[in-house]
Structures are given as structure tokens and as C-alpha cells.
Amino acid sequence: MSDEAGSAEETSVEGEAVEADTVEADAADSGEAEGDESVVSAPEEEASEQLVADPVLLAARDQAREALTEITDADMIGADLDHEVQGEHVLTLFFESRLSGYPGWKWAATLARVDEESAVNVLEVEMLPGEDAVVAPEWVPWSERLAHYRENQSKLAADEAELAEAAAAELEDEVDAEDDLLDNDFSDFDDEIHGADVEDFEDIDDDAEDSDNDSDEDDEE
């Protein structure tokens, strides 16, 4: 009995030791994961803190205006607008655009320098749309435009066919009406001419012939 009790106690102690090792391993893994997250997030925080406008670049608006005169007249460059930081020692300066036909657009000059001791360089000059700018509609792929065109053509063809059928039916009704008109107005053509009875004309002709015959007989006598 004592041997069995001793073995049971040893088994229990070993189980508790295994559980303790597992808990310590999990805690270590969790700590490493948190440490990794802090390592990953640290550069991002540092990068966001470094995105500060370079005061030398901010003060280089005259140089930016001069660079913009290579693509437009100086009179087309208006008042100073805001700026946008692109990176460390890199930013874009914006100017009002006075170019007709482009309301809401603005001139942009991107400036940069390598470090605190370097000179200012112009990377790019262009005109960009603002929030209220009139821009072209979103580009639609040719396949979609072609499908839309074919759909419209099919619809037009169906509408034309429907109109042609309606015109043919209307023409057929007009022809039937003309047939009825001919039957109604000229069915008594042999009996009447302009509302006069044909028999009246026959009587007049007979009287005229009788009158001519009488005149001829008088002349013979």
C-alpha cells in the first residue's frame, strides 16, 4: 500500500510540473508575440512622426513658381494654396490656376532635397483637379462601351420595326377606307351624274332630236 501511495504522489507531482512548463511556454510565446507587434508598430509610428513639412521646402514657393512657368504663363499662376507632405524632405506646393476652361483646378510643384544641407530640387510640375474641379467621366472599357452600343442598336432596330408595322397597318386601313368610299360614292354612277338623274338627260336628248326632226320637215315643205 505504501508503494502504491508513493507512486501516485510521484505521478501527481510530474503532472503538475508538466502543467507549469506549459503555462510558462504559453506566457513566453505571448510575450514574444507582443514584443513582435511592438517592433512592427514602432517604425510605423516613427514614420508618421517624421512626416513633417520641411520648412526650407515650404519657403521655396518662388522656385516652384519659376518651375511652373515652364508649362504655363506666369499670369496663369494665382495665389498660394495649401501643401501636401509626400515624405521626409519631400512635399508638393499648390497654387491657384487662372487658366480658362479649368475651374477648380490647381497648379502643383513637387519639391525635395536629400537632407538638411542639400539644395531644393523640383521633381515635378503639373495641374491637378481640386475638389470642385470639372473632370472627365470615369473611363469605361471598350468592351463595355461596345456592348452598350450594340444594345442601343438592337433597341433602335426593334423600335423601327414596330413603327414600320404600325405604318403598314395604318396604310392598310386607309386602303380599305378608300375602297368603301369608291363603293359608296360611285355605285350609282350609271344613274346619276353630279346629283342629276341620267334619265333626265336621256329625255332632253330625245326632245332635242324631235325638235331637229320637226325643223327638217318644215324646211322640206
C-alpha atoms as a PDB file:
ATOM      1  CA  MET A   1       0.000   0.000   0.000  1.00  0.00           C
ATOM      2  CA  SER A   2       2.813   2.426   0.806  1.00  0.00           C
ATOM      3  CA  ASP A   3       4.447   1.719  -2.550  1.00  0.00           C
ATOM      4  CA  GLU A   4       1.191   2.478  -4.379  1.00  0.00           C
ATOM      5  CA  ALA A   5       0.691   5.734  -2.469  1.00  0.00           C
ATOM      6  CA  GLY A   6       4.237   6.770  -3.238  1.00  0.00           C
ATOM      7  CA  SER A   7       3.857   6.160  -6.962  1.00  0.00           C
ATOM      8  CA  ALA A   8       0.577   8.087  -7.009  1.00  0.00           C
ATOM      9  CA  GLU A   9       2.245  11.061  -5.363  1.00  0.00           C
ATOM     10  CA  GLU A  10       5.108  10.966  -7.866  1.00  0.00           C
ATOM     11  CA  THR A  11       2.629  10.893 -10.802  1.00  0.00           C
ATOM     12  CA  SER A  12       0.740  13.876  -9.391  1.00  0.00           C
ATOM     13  CA  VAL A  13       3.955  15.858  -8.935  1.00  0.00           C
ATOM     14  CA  GLU A  14       5.061  15.105 -12.503  1.00  0.00           C
ATOM     15  CA  GLY A  15       1.653  16.222 -13.875  1.00  0.00           C
ATOM     16  CA  GLU A  16       1.835  19.496 -12.005  1.00  0.00           C
ATOM     17  CA  ALA A  17       5.354  20.085 -13.327  1.00  0.00           C
ATOM     18  CA  VAL A  18       4.221  19.490 -16.931  1.00  0.00           C
ATOM     19  CA  GLU A  19       1.316  21.889 -16.497  1.00  0.00           C
ATOM     20  CA  ALA A  20       3.623  24.539 -15.073  1.00  0.00           C
ATOM     21  CA  ASP A  21       6.014  24.141 -18.013  1.00  0.00           C
ATOM     22  CA  THR A  22       3.091  24.520 -20.462  1.00  0.00           C
ATOM     23  CA  VAL A  23       1.867  27.688 -18.773  1.00  0.00           C
ATOM     24  CA  GLU A  24       5.357  29.190 -18.820  1.00  0.00           C
ATOM     25  CA  ALA A  25       5.776  28.304 -22.510  1.00  0.00           C
ATOM     26  CA  ASP A  26       2.449  29.931 -23.402  1.00  0.00           C
ATOM     27  CA  ALA A  27       3.374  33.038 -21.450  1.00  0.00           C
ATOM     28  CA  ALA A  28       6.712  33.214 -23.225  1.00  0.00           C
ATOM     29  CA  ASP A  29       5.071  32.855 -26.655  1.00  0.00           C
ATOM     30  CA  SER A  30       2.561  35.556 -25.777  1.00  0.00           C
ATOM     31  CA  GLY A  31       5.340  37.862 -24.643  1.00  0.00           C
ATOM     32  CA  GLU A  32       7.293  37.273 -27.839  1.00  0.00           C
ATOM     33  CA  ALA A  33       4.176  37.988 -29.940  1.00  0.00           C
ATOM     34  CA  GLU A  34       3.548  41.221 -28.088  1.00  0.00           C
ATOM     35  CA  GLY A  35       7.174  42.112 -28.500  1.00  0.00           C
ATOM     36  CA  ASP A  36       6.955  41.449 -32.257  1.00  0.00           C
ATOM     37  CA  GLU A  37       3.873  43.670 -32.523  1.00  0.00           C
ATOM     38  CA  SER A  38       5.639  46.465 -30.713  1.00  0.00           C
ATOM     39  CA  VAL A  39       8.628  46.064 -33.023  1.00  0.00           C
ATOM     40  CA  VAL A  40       6.402  46.219 -36.118  1.00  0.00           C
ATOM     41  CA  SER A  41       4.334  49.177 -34.923  1.00  0.00           C
ATOM     42  CA  ALA A  42       7.329  51.196 -33.768  1.00  0.00           C
ATOM     43  CA  PRO A  43       8.671  52.024 -37.264  1.00  0.00           C
ATOM     44  CA  GLU A  44       5.182  52.973 -38.409  1.00  0.00           C
ATOM     45  CA  GLU A  45       4.797  55.389 -35.511  1.00  0.00           C
ATOM     46  CA  GLU A  46       8.236  56.808 -36.168  1.00  0.00           C
ATOM     47  CA  ALA A  47       7.433  57.203 -39.897  1.00  0.00           C
ATOM     48  CA  SER A  48       4.199  59.045 -39.116  1.00  0.00           C
ATOM     49  CA  GLU A  49       6.006  61.319 -36.708  1.00  0.00           C
ATOM     50  CA  GLN A  50       8.671  62.084 -39.333  1.00  0.00           C
ATOM     51  CA  LEU A  51       6.114  63.304 -41.923  1.00  0.00           C
ATOM     52  CA  VAL A  52       6.632  66.933 -41.013  1.00  0.00           C
ATOM     53  CA  ALA A  53       6.805  69.637 -43.659  1.00  0.00           C
ATOM     54  CA  ASP A  54      10.339  70.735 -44.400  1.00  0.00           C
ATOM     55  CA  PRO A  55      10.414  74.494 -43.666  1.00  0.00           C
ATOM     56  CA  VAL A  56      13.007  75.080 -46.376  1.00  0.00           C
ATOM     57  CA  LEU A  57      10.750  73.449 -48.976  1.00  0.00           C
ATOM     58  CA  LEU A  58       7.769  75.418 -47.698  1.00  0.00           C
ATOM     59  CA  ALA A  59       9.714  78.631 -48.217  1.00  0.00           C
ATOM     60  CA  ALA A  60      10.676  77.701 -51.785  1.00  0.00           C
ATOM     61  CA  ARG A  61       7.453  78.908 -53.410  1.00  0.00           C
ATOM     62  CA  ASP A  62       9.292  81.318 -55.707  1.00  0.00           C
ATOM     63  CA  GLN A  63      11.336  78.439 -57.060  1.00  0.00           C
ATOM     64  CA  ALA A  64       8.151  76.420 -57.513  1.00  0.00           C
ATOM     65  CA  ARG A  65       6.505  79.290 -59.419  1.00  0.00           C
ATOM     66  CA  GLU A  66       9.527  79.619 -61.664  1.00  0.00           C
ATOM     67  CA  ALA A  67       9.378  75.902 -62.423  1.00  0.00           C
ATOM     68  CA  LEU A  68       5.678  76.145 -63.272  1.00  0.00           C
ATOM     69  CA  THR A  69       6.400  78.830 -65.868  1.00  0.00           C
ATOM     70  CA  GLU A  70       7.945  76.063 -67.964  1.00  0.00           C
ATOM     71  CA  ILE A  71       4.470  74.634 -68.596  1.00  0.00           C
ATOM     72  CA  THR A  72       2.269  77.758 -68.368  1.00  0.00           C
ATOM     73  CA  ASP A  73       2.389  81.536 -68.408  1.00  0.00           C
ATOM     74  CA  ALA A  74       3.174  83.312 -65.160  1.00  0.00           C
ATOM     75  CA  ASP A  75      -0.153  85.151 -65.382  1.00  0.00           C
ATOM     76  CA  MET A  76      -1.974  81.796 -65.174  1.00  0.00           C
ATOM     77  CA  ILE A  77      -0.476  81.056 -61.728  1.00  0.00           C
ATOM     78  CA  GLY A  78      -2.628  82.534 -58.972  1.00  0.00           C
ATOM     79  CA  ALA A  79      -2.432  82.773 -55.219  1.00  0.00           C
ATOM     80  CA  ASP A  80      -0.629  80.376 -52.913  1.00  0.00           C
ATOM     81  CA  LEU A  81      -2.725  77.453 -51.707  1.00  0.00           C
ATOM     82  CA  ASP A  82      -2.001  74.631 -49.299  1.00  0.00           C
ATOM     83  CA  HIS A  83       0.679  71.947 -49.431  1.00  0.00           C
ATOM     84  CA  GLU A  84       0.923  68.183 -49.034  1.00  0.00           C
ATOM     85  CA  VAL A  85       3.803  66.302 -47.385  1.00  0.00           C
ATOM     86  CA  GLN A  86       4.864  63.331 -49.522  1.00  0.00           C
ATOM     87  CA  GLY A  87       7.703  62.103 -47.335  1.00  0.00           C
ATOM     88  CA  GLU A  88      10.821  63.181 -45.497  1.00  0.00           C
ATOM     89  CA  HIS A  89      12.121  66.311 -47.215  1.00  0.00           C
ATOM     90  CA  VAL A  90       9.509  65.877 -49.985  1.00  0.00           C
ATOM     91  CA  LEU A  91       6.350  67.943 -50.398  1.00  0.00           C
ATOM     92  CA  THR A  92       4.029  69.417 -53.011  1.00  0.00           C
ATOM     93  CA  LEU A  93       3.104  73.097 -53.123  1.00  0.00           C
ATOM     94  CA  PHE A  94      -0.227  74.097 -54.670  1.00  0.00           C
ATOM     95  CA  PHE A  95      -1.153  77.333 -56.461  1.00  0.00           C
ATOM     96  CA  GLU A  96      -4.413  78.723 -57.794  1.00  0.00           C
ATOM     97  CA  SER A  97      -4.989  78.175 -61.509  1.00  0.00           C
ATOM     98  CA  ARG A  98      -6.266  81.076 -63.610  1.00  0.00           C
ATOM     99  CA  LEU A  99      -6.366  79.032 -66.798  1.00  0.00           C
ATOM    100  CA  SER A 100      -9.737  79.461 -68.515  1.00  0.00           C
ATOM    101  CA  GLY A 101     -11.739  76.322 -69.039  1.00  0.00           C
ATOM    102  CA  TYR A 102     -10.362  74.612 -65.922  1.00  0.00           C
ATOM    103  CA  PRO A 103     -12.396  75.853 -62.964  1.00  0.00           C
ATOM    104  CA  GLY A 104     -11.443  74.257 -59.680  1.00  0.00           C
ATOM    105  CA  TRP A 105      -8.048  73.040 -60.891  1.00  0.00           C
ATOM    106  CA  LYS A 106      -4.729  73.988 -59.284  1.00  0.00           C
ATOM    107  CA  TRP A 107      -1.054  74.046 -60.167  1.00  0.00           C
ATOM    108  CA  ALA A 108       1.226  71.668 -58.282  1.00  0.00           C
ATOM    109  CA  ALA A 109       5.013  71.665 -57.879  1.00  0.00           C
ATOM    110  CA  THR A 110       6.669  68.813 -56.005  1.00  0.00           C
ATOM    111  CA  LEU A 111       9.945  69.780 -54.313  1.00  0.00           C
ATOM    112  CA  ALA A 112      12.545  67.706 -52.489  1.00  0.00           C
ATOM    113  CA  ARG A 113      16.031  67.734 -51.043  1.00  0.00           C
ATOM    114  CA  VAL A 114      18.245  64.909 -49.868  1.00  0.00           C
ATOM    115  CA  ASP A 115      18.999  66.181 -46.378  1.00  0.00           C
ATOM    116  CA  GLU A 116      19.152  69.321 -44.264  1.00  0.00           C
ATOM    117  CA  GLU A 117      22.259  70.562 -46.039  1.00  0.00           C
ATOM    118  CA  SER A 118      21.147  69.892 -49.658  1.00  0.00           C
ATOM    119  CA  ALA A 119      19.614  72.365 -52.101  1.00  0.00           C
ATOM    120  CA  VAL A 120      15.972  72.290 -53.153  1.00  0.00           C
ATOM    121  CA  ASN A 121      15.180  70.368 -56.328  1.00  0.00           C
ATOM    122  CA  VAL A 122      11.975  70.407 -58.396  1.00  0.00           C
ATOM    123  CA  LEU A 123      10.749  66.891 -59.058  1.00  0.00           C
ATOM    124  CA  GLU A 124       7.550  67.509 -60.978  1.00  0.00           C
ATOM    125  CA  VAL A 125       5.177  70.262 -62.087  1.00  0.00           C
ATOM    126  CA  GLU A 126       1.594  69.670 -63.212  1.00  0.00           C
ATOM    127  CA  MET A 127      -2.003  70.801 -62.926  1.00  0.00           C
ATOM    128  CA  LEU A 128      -4.312  68.715 -60.745  1.00  0.00           C
ATOM    129  CA  PRO A 129      -8.082  68.783 -60.169  1.00  0.00           C
ATOM    130  CA  GLY A 130      -9.391  70.156 -56.904  1.00  0.00           C
ATOM    131  CA  GLU A 131     -12.495  69.127 -55.002  1.00  0.00           C
ATOM    132  CA  ASP A 132     -14.792  71.310 -57.148  1.00  0.00           C
ATOM    133  CA  ALA A 133     -12.976  70.708 -60.448  1.00  0.00           C
ATOM    134  CA  VAL A 134     -14.819  69.709 -63.597  1.00  0.00           C
ATOM    135  CA  VAL A 135     -13.281  66.413 -64.688  1.00  0.00           C
ATOM    136  CA  ALA A 136     -13.965  63.883 -67.402  1.00  0.00           C
ATOM    137  CA  PRO A 137     -16.281  60.991 -66.597  1.00  0.00           C
ATOM    138  CA  GLU A 138     -14.827  57.747 -65.385  1.00  0.00           C
ATOM    139  CA  TRP A 139     -13.225  55.708 -68.154  1.00  0.00           C
ATOM    140  CA  VAL A 140     -15.289  52.806 -69.433  1.00  0.00           C
ATOM    141  CA  PRO A 141     -13.561  49.817 -71.099  1.00  0.00           C
ATOM    142  CA  TRP A 142     -14.129  49.411 -74.834  1.00  0.00           C
ATOM    143  CA  SER A 143     -15.821  46.041 -74.381  1.00  0.00           C
ATOM    144  CA  GLU A 144     -18.488  47.596 -72.135  1.00  0.00           C
ATOM    145  CA  ARG A 145     -18.974  50.558 -74.474  1.00  0.00           C
ATOM    146  CA  LEU A 146     -19.321  48.203 -77.451  1.00  0.00           C
ATOM    147  CA  ALA A 147     -21.875  46.083 -75.597  1.00  0.00           C
ATOM    148  CA  HIS A 148     -23.848  49.223 -74.704  1.00  0.00           C
ATOM    149  CA  TYR A 149     -23.693  50.396 -78.341  1.00  0.00           C
ATOM    150  CA  ARG A 150     -24.966  47.053 -79.631  1.00  0.00           C
ATOM    151  CA  GLU A 151     -27.759  47.061 -77.083  1.00  0.00           C
ATOM    152  CA  ASN A 152     -28.853  50.523 -78.246  1.00  0.00           C
ATOM    153  CA  GLN A 153     -28.684  49.452 -81.900  1.00  0.00           C
ATOM    154  CA  SER A 154     -30.860  46.413 -81.189  1.00  0.00           C
ATOM    155  CA  LYS A 155     -33.374  48.587 -79.379  1.00  0.00           C
ATOM    156  CA  LEU A 156     -33.455  51.090 -82.245  1.00  0.00           C
ATOM    157  CA  ALA A 157     -33.951  48.283 -84.770  1.00  0.00           C
ATOM    158  CA  ALA A 158     -36.830  46.878 -82.716  1.00  0.00           C
ATOM    159  CA  ASP A 159     -38.434  50.336 -82.450  1.00  0.00           C
ATOM    160  CA  GLU A 160     -38.094  50.901 -86.210  1.00  0.00           C
ATOM    161  CA  ALA A 161     -39.640  47.503 -86.943  1.00  0.00           C
ATOM    162  CA  GLU A 162     -42.534  48.309 -84.632  1.00  0.00           C
ATOM    163  CA  LEU A 163     -43.075  51.681 -86.325  1.00  0.00           C
ATOM    164  CA  ALA A 164     -42.951  50.036 -89.759  1.00  0.00           C
ATOM    165  CA  GLU A 165     -45.585  47.506 -88.731  1.00  0.00           C
ATOM    166  CA  ALA A 166     -47.794  50.267 -87.348  1.00  0.00           C
ATOM    167  CA  ALA A 167     -47.423  52.292 -90.579  1.00  0.00           C
ATOM    168  CA  ALA A 168     -48.259  49.253 -92.706  1.00  0.00           C
ATOM    169  CA  ALA A 169     -51.360  48.556 -90.634  1.00  0.00           C
ATOM    170  CA  GLU A 170     -52.439  52.201 -90.901  1.00  0.00           C
ATOM    171  CA  LEU A 171     -51.911  52.158 -94.663  1.00  0.00           C
ATOM    172  CA  GLU A 172     -53.985  49.014 -94.948  1.00  0.00           C
ATOM    173  CA  ASP A 173     -56.810  50.662 -93.030  1.00  0.00           C
ATOM    174  CA  GLU A 174     -56.622  53.691 -95.371  1.00  0.00           C
ATOM    175  CA  VAL A 175     -56.840  51.450 -98.454  1.00  0.00           C
ATOM    176  CA  ASP A 176     -59.929  49.708 -97.052  1.00  0.00           C
ATOM    177  CA  ALA A 177     -61.500  53.102 -96.332  1.00  0.00           C
ATOM    178  CA  GLU A 178     -60.842  54.229 -99.939  1.00  0.00           C
ATOM    179  CA  ASP A 179     -62.472  51.060-101.267  1.00  0.00           C
ATOM    180  CA  ASP A 180     -65.531  51.771 -99.164  1.00  0.00           C
ATOM    181  CA  LEU A 181     -65.544  55.355-100.372  1.00  0.00           C
ATOM    182  CA  LEU A 182     -65.490  54.264-104.013  1.00  0.00           C
ATOM    183  CA  ASP A 183     -68.282  51.799-103.412  1.00  0.00           C
ATOM    184  CA  ASN A 184     -70.447  54.395-101.673  1.00  0.00           C
ATOM    185  CA  ASP A 185     -69.907  57.392-103.981  1.00  0.00           C
ATOM    186  CA  PHE A 186     -69.799  55.796-107.381  1.00  0.00           C
ATOM    187  CA  SER A 187     -72.108  52.797-107.043  1.00  0.00           C
ATOM    188  CA  ASP A 188     -74.896  54.818-108.755  1.00  0.00           C
ATOM    189  CA  PHE A 189     -72.634  56.330-111.403  1.00  0.00           C
ATOM    190  CA  ASP A 190     -74.784  54.922-114.210  1.00  0.00           C
ATOM    191  CA  ASP A 191     -77.898  56.539-112.779  1.00  0.00           C
ATOM    192  CA  GLU A 192     -76.694  59.932-111.551  1.00  0.00           C
ATOM    193  CA  ILE A 193     -74.058  62.489-112.572  1.00  0.00           C
ATOM    194  CA  HIS A 194     -73.445  65.319-110.102  1.00  0.00           C
ATOM    195  CA  GLY A 195     -76.781  64.693-108.447  1.00  0.00           C
ATOM    196  CA  ALA A 196     -78.745  64.722-111.752  1.00  0.00           C
ATOM    197  CA  ASP A 197     -80.678  61.702-112.962  1.00  0.00           C
ATOM    198  CA  VAL A 198     -79.266  60.177-116.140  1.00  0.00           C
ATOM    199  CA  GLU A 199     -82.799  59.525-117.386  1.00  0.00           C
ATOM    200  CA  ASP A 200     -83.422  63.296-117.385  1.00  0.00           C
ATOM    201  CA  PHE A 201     -80.500  63.726-119.744  1.00  0.00           C
ATOM    202  CA  GLU A 202     -81.948  60.984-121.972  1.00  0.00           C
ATOM    203  CA  ASP A 203     -85.322  62.798-122.096  1.00  0.00           C
ATOM    204  CA  ILE A 204     -83.594  66.045-123.026  1.00  0.00           C
ATOM    205  CA  ASP A 205     -81.731  64.291-125.813  1.00  0.00           C
ATOM    206  CA  ASP A 206     -84.977  62.808-127.118  1.00  0.00           C
ATOM    207  CA  ASP A 207     -86.680  66.191-127.116  1.00  0.00           C
ATOM    208  CA  ALA A 208     -83.756  67.710-128.938  1.00  0.00           C
ATOM    209  CA  GLU A 209     -83.902  65.025-131.605  1.00  0.00           C
ATOM    210  CA  ASP A 210     -87.650  65.506-132.048  1.00  0.00           C
ATOM    211  CA  SER A 211     -87.114  69.244-132.389  1.00  0.00           C
ATOM    212  CA  ASP A 212     -84.460  68.724-135.038  1.00  0.00           C
ATOM    213  CA  ASN A 213     -86.707  66.361-136.977  1.00  0.00           C
ATOM    214  CA  ASP A 214     -89.566  68.864-136.938  1.00  0.00           C
ATOM    215  CA  SER A 215     -87.238  71.586-138.175  1.00  0.00           C
ATOM    216  CA  ASP A 216     -86.065  69.403-141.046  1.00  0.00           C
ATOM    217  CA  GLU A 217     -89.650  68.600-142.059  1.00  0.00           C
ATOM    218  CA  ASP A 218     -90.563  72.313-142.054  1.00  0.00           C
ATOM    219  CA  ASP A 219     -87.594  73.073-144.218  1.00  0.00           C
ATOM    220  CA  GLU A 220     -88.596  70.421-146.750  1.00  0.00           C
ATOM    221  CA  GLU A 221     -92.089  71.841-147.068  1.00  0.00           C
END
